[in-house]
N, C-alpha and C. Protein backbone atom coordinates (compact mmCIF):
# COMPACT_ATOMS: atom_id res chain seq x y z
N UNK A 1 96.24 162.92 72.38
CA UNK A 1 95.56 161.79 72.97
C UNK A 1 95.16 160.83 71.85
N UNK A 2 95.42 159.56 72.04
CA UNK A 2 95.06 158.55 71.05
C UNK A 2 93.56 158.31 71.08
N UNK A 3 93.01 158.06 69.90
CA UNK A 3 91.58 157.78 69.81
C UNK A 3 91.25 156.35 70.12
N UNK A 4 92.10 155.43 69.68
CA UNK A 4 91.79 154.02 69.83
C UNK A 4 93.04 153.25 70.22
N UNK A 5 92.85 152.03 70.66
CA UNK A 5 93.96 151.14 70.92
C UNK A 5 93.70 149.84 70.17
N UNK A 6 94.47 148.83 70.46
CA UNK A 6 94.40 147.57 69.73
C UNK A 6 92.99 146.99 69.69
N UNK A 7 92.68 146.38 68.56
CA UNK A 7 91.39 145.71 68.43
C UNK A 7 91.58 144.23 68.70
N UNK A 8 90.48 143.56 69.00
CA UNK A 8 90.54 142.12 69.24
C UNK A 8 89.24 141.48 68.78
N UNK A 9 89.32 140.18 68.45
CA UNK A 9 88.15 139.44 67.99
C UNK A 9 87.21 139.20 69.16
N UNK A 10 85.92 139.15 68.84
CA UNK A 10 84.92 138.95 69.90
C UNK A 10 83.70 138.24 69.33
N UNK A 11 83.15 137.32 70.10
CA UNK A 11 81.84 136.74 69.78
C UNK A 11 80.85 137.48 70.65
N UNK A 12 79.99 138.27 70.04
CA UNK A 12 79.06 139.12 70.78
C UNK A 12 77.82 138.36 71.23
N UNK A 13 77.25 137.56 70.34
CA UNK A 13 76.03 136.82 70.65
C UNK A 13 76.18 135.40 70.12
N UNK A 14 75.82 134.42 70.94
CA UNK A 14 75.72 133.02 70.54
C UNK A 14 74.46 132.51 71.20
N UNK A 15 73.46 132.15 70.40
CA UNK A 15 72.16 131.84 70.99
C UNK A 15 71.40 130.78 70.20
N UNK A 16 70.51 130.12 70.89
CA UNK A 16 69.52 129.25 70.25
C UNK A 16 68.12 129.67 70.68
N UNK A 17 68.00 130.87 71.26
CA UNK A 17 66.71 131.38 71.72
C UNK A 17 65.75 131.54 70.55
N UNK A 18 64.51 131.19 70.77
CA UNK A 18 63.49 131.27 69.73
C UNK A 18 62.48 132.36 70.07
N UNK A 19 62.12 133.13 69.04
CA UNK A 19 61.10 134.17 69.17
C UNK A 19 61.38 135.17 70.29
N UNK A 20 62.66 135.51 70.44
CA UNK A 20 63.06 136.51 71.43
C UNK A 20 64.37 137.14 70.96
N UNK A 21 64.55 138.42 71.26
CA UNK A 21 65.81 139.09 70.95
C UNK A 21 66.87 138.65 71.96
N UNK A 22 68.06 138.35 71.47
CA UNK A 22 69.22 138.13 72.32
C UNK A 22 70.19 139.26 72.01
N UNK A 23 70.45 140.10 73.00
CA UNK A 23 71.22 141.33 72.79
C UNK A 23 72.56 141.29 73.50
N UNK A 24 73.46 142.10 73.01
CA UNK A 24 74.74 142.40 73.66
C UNK A 24 74.92 143.91 73.61
N UNK A 25 75.20 144.53 74.75
CA UNK A 25 75.42 145.97 74.80
C UNK A 25 76.92 146.23 74.84
N UNK A 26 77.39 147.03 73.91
CA UNK A 26 78.81 147.39 73.85
C UNK A 26 79.13 148.26 75.06
N UNK A 27 80.18 147.92 75.82
CA UNK A 27 80.52 148.74 76.97
C UNK A 27 80.88 150.17 76.57
N UNK A 28 80.53 151.12 77.41
CA UNK A 28 80.91 152.52 77.18
C UNK A 28 82.43 152.58 77.15
N UNK A 29 82.95 153.35 76.23
CA UNK A 29 84.40 153.45 76.06
C UNK A 29 84.96 152.44 75.08
N UNK A 30 84.09 151.63 74.48
CA UNK A 30 84.49 150.65 73.47
C UNK A 30 83.68 150.90 72.21
N UNK A 31 84.12 150.34 71.11
CA UNK A 31 83.37 150.35 69.85
C UNK A 31 83.47 148.95 69.26
N UNK A 32 82.38 148.45 68.71
CA UNK A 32 82.34 147.11 68.14
C UNK A 32 81.99 147.18 66.66
N UNK A 33 82.45 146.19 65.92
CA UNK A 33 82.11 146.06 64.51
C UNK A 33 81.69 144.62 64.26
N UNK A 34 80.44 144.45 63.83
CA UNK A 34 79.95 143.12 63.47
C UNK A 34 80.52 142.79 62.10
N UNK A 35 81.28 141.72 62.00
CA UNK A 35 81.89 141.31 60.74
C UNK A 35 81.24 140.06 60.15
N UNK A 36 80.63 139.23 61.01
CA UNK A 36 80.06 137.97 60.51
C UNK A 36 78.79 137.63 61.28
N UNK A 37 77.79 137.18 60.54
CA UNK A 37 76.56 136.67 61.12
C UNK A 37 76.37 135.25 60.59
N UNK A 38 76.12 134.33 61.51
CA UNK A 38 75.90 132.93 61.14
C UNK A 38 74.56 132.48 61.71
N UNK A 39 73.76 131.83 60.87
CA UNK A 39 72.49 131.25 61.31
C UNK A 39 72.41 129.82 60.83
N UNK A 40 71.95 128.94 61.71
CA UNK A 40 71.76 127.54 61.38
C UNK A 40 70.29 127.21 61.58
N UNK A 41 69.68 126.56 60.60
CA UNK A 41 68.29 126.15 60.67
C UNK A 41 68.25 124.63 60.73
N UNK A 42 67.88 124.08 61.89
CA UNK A 42 67.80 122.63 62.06
C UNK A 42 66.41 122.08 61.80
N UNK A 43 65.53 122.87 61.21
CA UNK A 43 64.19 122.40 60.89
C UNK A 43 64.09 122.20 59.38
N UNK A 44 62.97 121.69 58.93
CA UNK A 44 62.76 121.51 57.49
C UNK A 44 62.05 122.70 56.86
N UNK A 45 61.61 123.64 57.67
CA UNK A 45 60.92 124.84 57.17
C UNK A 45 61.84 126.04 57.23
N UNK A 46 61.65 126.98 56.28
CA UNK A 46 62.44 128.21 56.34
C UNK A 46 61.97 129.08 57.50
N UNK A 47 62.87 129.93 57.98
CA UNK A 47 62.50 130.88 59.03
C UNK A 47 63.17 132.21 58.76
N UNK A 48 62.63 133.24 59.38
CA UNK A 48 63.17 134.59 59.24
C UNK A 48 64.12 134.87 60.39
N UNK A 49 65.28 135.40 60.07
CA UNK A 49 66.20 135.87 61.10
C UNK A 49 66.40 137.36 60.93
N UNK A 50 66.56 138.06 62.06
CA UNK A 50 66.73 139.51 62.07
C UNK A 50 67.97 139.87 62.89
N UNK A 51 68.65 140.93 62.48
CA UNK A 51 69.79 141.46 63.24
C UNK A 51 69.57 142.96 63.37
N UNK A 52 69.83 143.47 64.57
CA UNK A 52 69.71 144.91 64.78
C UNK A 52 71.00 145.46 65.39
N UNK A 53 71.22 146.74 65.12
CA UNK A 53 72.33 147.48 65.71
C UNK A 53 71.74 148.79 66.20
N UNK A 54 72.08 149.17 67.42
CA UNK A 54 71.44 150.30 68.08
C UNK A 54 69.94 150.00 68.11
N UNK A 55 69.12 150.87 67.62
CA UNK A 55 67.67 150.63 67.65
C UNK A 55 67.14 150.18 66.29
N UNK A 56 68.03 149.90 65.35
CA UNK A 56 67.59 149.73 63.97
C UNK A 56 67.86 148.34 63.42
N UNK A 57 66.90 147.84 62.67
CA UNK A 57 67.06 146.58 61.97
C UNK A 57 68.06 146.78 60.84
N UNK A 58 69.12 145.97 60.82
CA UNK A 58 70.16 146.13 59.79
C UNK A 58 70.25 144.92 58.86
N UNK A 59 69.57 143.83 59.21
CA UNK A 59 69.62 142.63 58.38
C UNK A 59 68.37 141.81 58.60
N UNK A 60 67.77 141.36 57.52
CA UNK A 60 66.61 140.50 57.55
C UNK A 60 66.82 139.45 56.47
N UNK A 61 66.71 138.17 56.83
CA UNK A 61 67.04 137.13 55.86
C UNK A 61 66.21 135.89 56.13
N UNK A 62 65.69 135.28 55.07
CA UNK A 62 65.04 133.99 55.19
C UNK A 62 66.12 132.91 55.16
N UNK A 63 66.06 131.99 56.11
CA UNK A 63 67.02 130.89 56.18
C UNK A 63 66.27 129.63 55.79
N UNK A 64 66.63 129.02 54.64
CA UNK A 64 65.94 127.81 54.19
C UNK A 64 66.08 126.67 55.20
N UNK A 65 65.13 125.72 55.15
CA UNK A 65 65.18 124.58 56.04
C UNK A 65 66.44 123.76 55.85
N UNK A 66 66.94 123.22 56.95
CA UNK A 66 68.11 122.32 56.97
C UNK A 66 69.34 122.94 56.29
N UNK A 67 69.58 124.22 56.54
CA UNK A 67 70.76 124.88 55.97
C UNK A 67 71.39 125.83 56.98
N UNK A 68 72.55 126.32 56.59
CA UNK A 68 73.23 127.37 57.35
C UNK A 68 73.42 128.56 56.44
N UNK A 69 73.36 129.74 57.00
CA UNK A 69 73.66 130.97 56.28
C UNK A 69 74.82 131.64 57.00
N UNK A 70 75.88 131.91 56.26
CA UNK A 70 77.04 132.59 56.82
C UNK A 70 77.27 133.86 56.00
N UNK A 71 77.24 134.99 56.67
CA UNK A 71 77.45 136.29 56.03
C UNK A 71 78.75 136.86 56.59
N UNK A 72 79.90 136.60 55.92
CA UNK A 72 81.20 136.92 56.50
C UNK A 72 81.78 138.29 56.16
N UNK A 73 81.16 139.05 55.29
CA UNK A 73 81.77 140.28 54.80
C UNK A 73 81.03 141.54 55.24
N UNK A 74 80.58 141.55 56.48
CA UNK A 74 79.83 142.70 56.99
C UNK A 74 80.78 143.72 57.63
N UNK A 75 80.27 144.91 57.84
CA UNK A 75 81.01 145.95 58.56
C UNK A 75 79.98 146.88 59.19
N UNK A 76 79.39 146.42 60.30
CA UNK A 76 78.32 147.16 60.97
C UNK A 76 78.87 147.68 62.29
N UNK A 77 79.00 148.99 62.42
CA UNK A 77 79.58 149.61 63.60
C UNK A 77 78.52 149.81 64.68
N UNK A 78 78.89 149.46 65.92
CA UNK A 78 78.02 149.64 67.08
C UNK A 78 78.84 150.37 68.14
N UNK A 79 78.37 151.53 68.57
CA UNK A 79 79.11 152.38 69.50
C UNK A 79 78.85 152.00 70.95
N UNK A 80 79.75 152.44 71.84
CA UNK A 80 79.61 152.18 73.26
C UNK A 80 78.26 152.62 73.79
N UNK A 81 77.62 151.75 74.57
CA UNK A 81 76.30 152.02 75.12
C UNK A 81 75.16 151.56 74.23
N UNK A 82 75.46 151.22 72.97
CA UNK A 82 74.43 150.72 72.06
C UNK A 82 74.40 149.19 72.11
N UNK A 83 73.24 148.63 71.78
CA UNK A 83 73.07 147.17 71.78
C UNK A 83 73.01 146.65 70.36
N UNK A 84 73.45 145.42 70.20
CA UNK A 84 73.25 144.67 68.95
C UNK A 84 72.48 143.41 69.34
N UNK A 85 71.74 142.86 68.42
CA UNK A 85 70.97 141.68 68.77
C UNK A 85 70.54 140.87 67.58
N UNK A 86 70.08 139.65 67.87
CA UNK A 86 69.60 138.73 66.85
C UNK A 86 68.26 138.14 67.31
N UNK A 87 67.39 137.88 66.34
CA UNK A 87 66.06 137.31 66.58
C UNK A 87 65.84 136.22 65.56
N UNK A 88 65.38 135.04 66.00
CA UNK A 88 65.09 133.93 65.09
C UNK A 88 63.66 133.46 65.29
N UNK A 89 62.96 133.29 64.20
CA UNK A 89 61.61 132.74 64.24
C UNK A 89 61.69 131.24 64.01
N UNK A 90 62.33 130.53 64.91
CA UNK A 90 62.40 129.07 64.79
C UNK A 90 62.64 128.47 66.17
N UNK A 91 62.07 127.30 66.42
CA UNK A 91 62.29 126.66 67.71
C UNK A 91 63.56 125.81 67.73
N UNK A 92 64.25 125.69 66.61
CA UNK A 92 65.38 124.77 66.55
C UNK A 92 66.46 125.30 65.62
N UNK A 93 67.20 126.27 66.08
CA UNK A 93 68.26 126.84 65.27
C UNK A 93 69.29 127.51 66.15
N UNK A 94 70.23 128.16 65.53
CA UNK A 94 71.27 128.85 66.28
C UNK A 94 71.75 130.07 65.51
N UNK A 95 72.32 131.02 66.23
CA UNK A 95 72.83 132.23 65.60
C UNK A 95 74.06 132.72 66.35
N UNK A 96 74.94 133.37 65.60
CA UNK A 96 76.15 133.94 66.18
C UNK A 96 76.45 135.27 65.49
N UNK A 97 76.73 136.29 66.30
CA UNK A 97 77.22 137.58 65.81
C UNK A 97 78.65 137.70 66.30
N UNK A 98 79.60 137.92 65.38
CA UNK A 98 80.99 138.05 65.79
C UNK A 98 81.65 139.19 65.02
N UNK A 99 82.79 139.61 65.51
CA UNK A 99 83.50 140.70 64.87
C UNK A 99 84.68 141.11 65.71
N UNK A 100 84.89 142.41 65.84
CA UNK A 100 85.97 142.88 66.69
C UNK A 100 85.52 144.09 67.49
N UNK A 101 86.29 144.34 68.54
CA UNK A 101 85.99 145.44 69.43
C UNK A 101 87.31 146.13 69.76
N UNK A 102 87.23 147.42 70.02
CA UNK A 102 88.42 148.15 70.41
C UNK A 102 88.06 149.29 71.34
N UNK A 103 89.05 149.71 72.10
CA UNK A 103 88.87 150.83 73.03
C UNK A 103 88.67 152.10 72.22
N UNK A 104 87.68 152.88 72.61
CA UNK A 104 87.37 154.12 71.91
C UNK A 104 87.21 155.21 72.95
N UNK A 105 88.28 155.96 73.16
CA UNK A 105 88.23 157.02 74.16
C UNK A 105 87.94 158.38 73.54
N UNK A 106 87.42 158.37 72.31
CA UNK A 106 87.12 159.64 71.63
C UNK A 106 85.83 160.27 72.13
N UNK A 107 84.97 159.47 72.76
CA UNK A 107 83.67 159.98 73.19
C UNK A 107 82.67 160.04 72.05
N UNK A 108 83.05 159.61 70.88
CA UNK A 108 82.17 159.63 69.71
C UNK A 108 80.98 158.73 69.94
N UNK A 109 79.79 159.23 69.58
CA UNK A 109 78.57 158.45 69.74
C UNK A 109 77.98 158.04 68.41
N UNK A 110 78.71 158.22 67.36
CA UNK A 110 78.23 157.79 66.06
C UNK A 110 77.54 158.89 65.29
N UNK A 111 77.21 158.59 64.05
CA UNK A 111 76.52 159.57 63.21
C UNK A 111 75.08 159.75 63.69
N UNK A 112 74.41 160.78 63.22
CA UNK A 112 73.04 160.99 63.67
C UNK A 112 72.13 159.84 63.25
N UNK A 113 71.30 159.41 64.15
CA UNK A 113 70.33 158.37 63.84
C UNK A 113 69.06 159.02 63.32
N UNK A 114 68.29 158.28 62.57
CA UNK A 114 67.05 158.85 62.06
C UNK A 114 66.08 159.18 63.19
N UNK A 115 66.28 158.56 64.36
CA UNK A 115 65.43 158.88 65.50
C UNK A 115 65.80 160.23 66.11
N UNK A 116 66.95 160.79 65.69
CA UNK A 116 67.34 162.11 66.13
C UNK A 116 67.91 162.16 67.54
N UNK A 117 68.46 161.05 68.04
CA UNK A 117 68.95 161.03 69.41
C UNK A 117 70.44 161.35 69.53
N UNK A 118 71.15 161.45 68.42
CA UNK A 118 72.58 161.70 68.45
C UNK A 118 72.91 163.00 67.73
N UNK A 119 73.91 163.74 68.20
CA UNK A 119 74.30 164.97 67.50
C UNK A 119 75.06 164.65 66.22
N UNK A 120 75.06 165.58 65.28
CA UNK A 120 75.88 165.44 64.08
C UNK A 120 77.32 165.72 64.47
N UNK A 121 78.22 164.82 64.07
CA UNK A 121 79.61 164.94 64.45
C UNK A 121 80.45 165.45 63.29
N UNK A 122 81.49 166.23 63.60
CA UNK A 122 82.39 166.67 62.54
C UNK A 122 83.24 165.49 62.08
N UNK A 123 83.85 165.64 60.92
CA UNK A 123 84.77 164.62 60.42
C UNK A 123 85.93 164.49 61.40
N UNK A 124 86.49 163.28 61.56
CA UNK A 124 87.64 163.12 62.45
C UNK A 124 88.79 164.03 62.03
N UNK A 125 89.55 164.50 63.00
CA UNK A 125 90.71 165.34 62.77
C UNK A 125 91.80 164.53 62.06
N UNK A 126 92.21 164.93 60.85
CA UNK A 126 93.22 164.14 60.14
C UNK A 126 94.55 164.11 60.89
N UNK A 127 94.78 165.04 61.80
CA UNK A 127 96.01 165.04 62.58
C UNK A 127 96.07 163.94 63.62
N UNK A 128 94.95 163.24 63.82
CA UNK A 128 94.92 162.17 64.81
C UNK A 128 95.73 160.95 64.34
N UNK A 129 96.00 160.86 63.04
CA UNK A 129 96.72 159.70 62.52
C UNK A 129 95.77 158.53 62.32
N UNK A 130 96.28 157.46 61.72
CA UNK A 130 95.42 156.31 61.45
C UNK A 130 95.05 155.58 62.73
N UNK A 131 93.85 155.05 62.76
CA UNK A 131 93.44 154.17 63.86
C UNK A 131 93.90 152.77 63.50
N UNK A 132 93.83 151.80 64.42
CA UNK A 132 94.21 150.43 64.07
C UNK A 132 93.38 149.89 62.90
N UNK A 133 92.18 150.41 62.74
CA UNK A 133 91.33 149.95 61.64
C UNK A 133 91.86 150.48 60.32
N UNK A 134 92.38 151.72 60.32
CA UNK A 134 92.86 152.36 59.10
C UNK A 134 94.28 151.98 58.73
N UNK A 135 95.05 151.56 59.72
CA UNK A 135 96.47 151.29 59.48
C UNK A 135 96.66 150.11 58.54
N UNK A 136 97.69 150.16 57.69
CA UNK A 136 97.92 149.03 56.76
C UNK A 136 98.35 147.79 57.48
């Protein structure tokens, strides 16, 4: 049985919401990888932006006034049923979380979280062959 199928690009979150989390929940049976986070600050004051994956804060960054921050070299995995989200402390800005998603029929729920809600998983079976992510 194959573990994964073709991956495709996806924009998970695009928001201008202020002082509120904007989340996207990865559908069960899929796996997502955040590859890029973009924040735009249309004010003259700096603001704090936050990104979370599952239940955990994975990125915290001050965005200077009248600038954009683009973080293009990320690799943050979010498993099916888990949410990712962005929070901005500004009334006038924008944020985007993008990356790729692929079908994941392995049933894998990810490595153990510090909250202790996930089981420890064995290493993937090398006989499964490369996934689309591993393939050259």
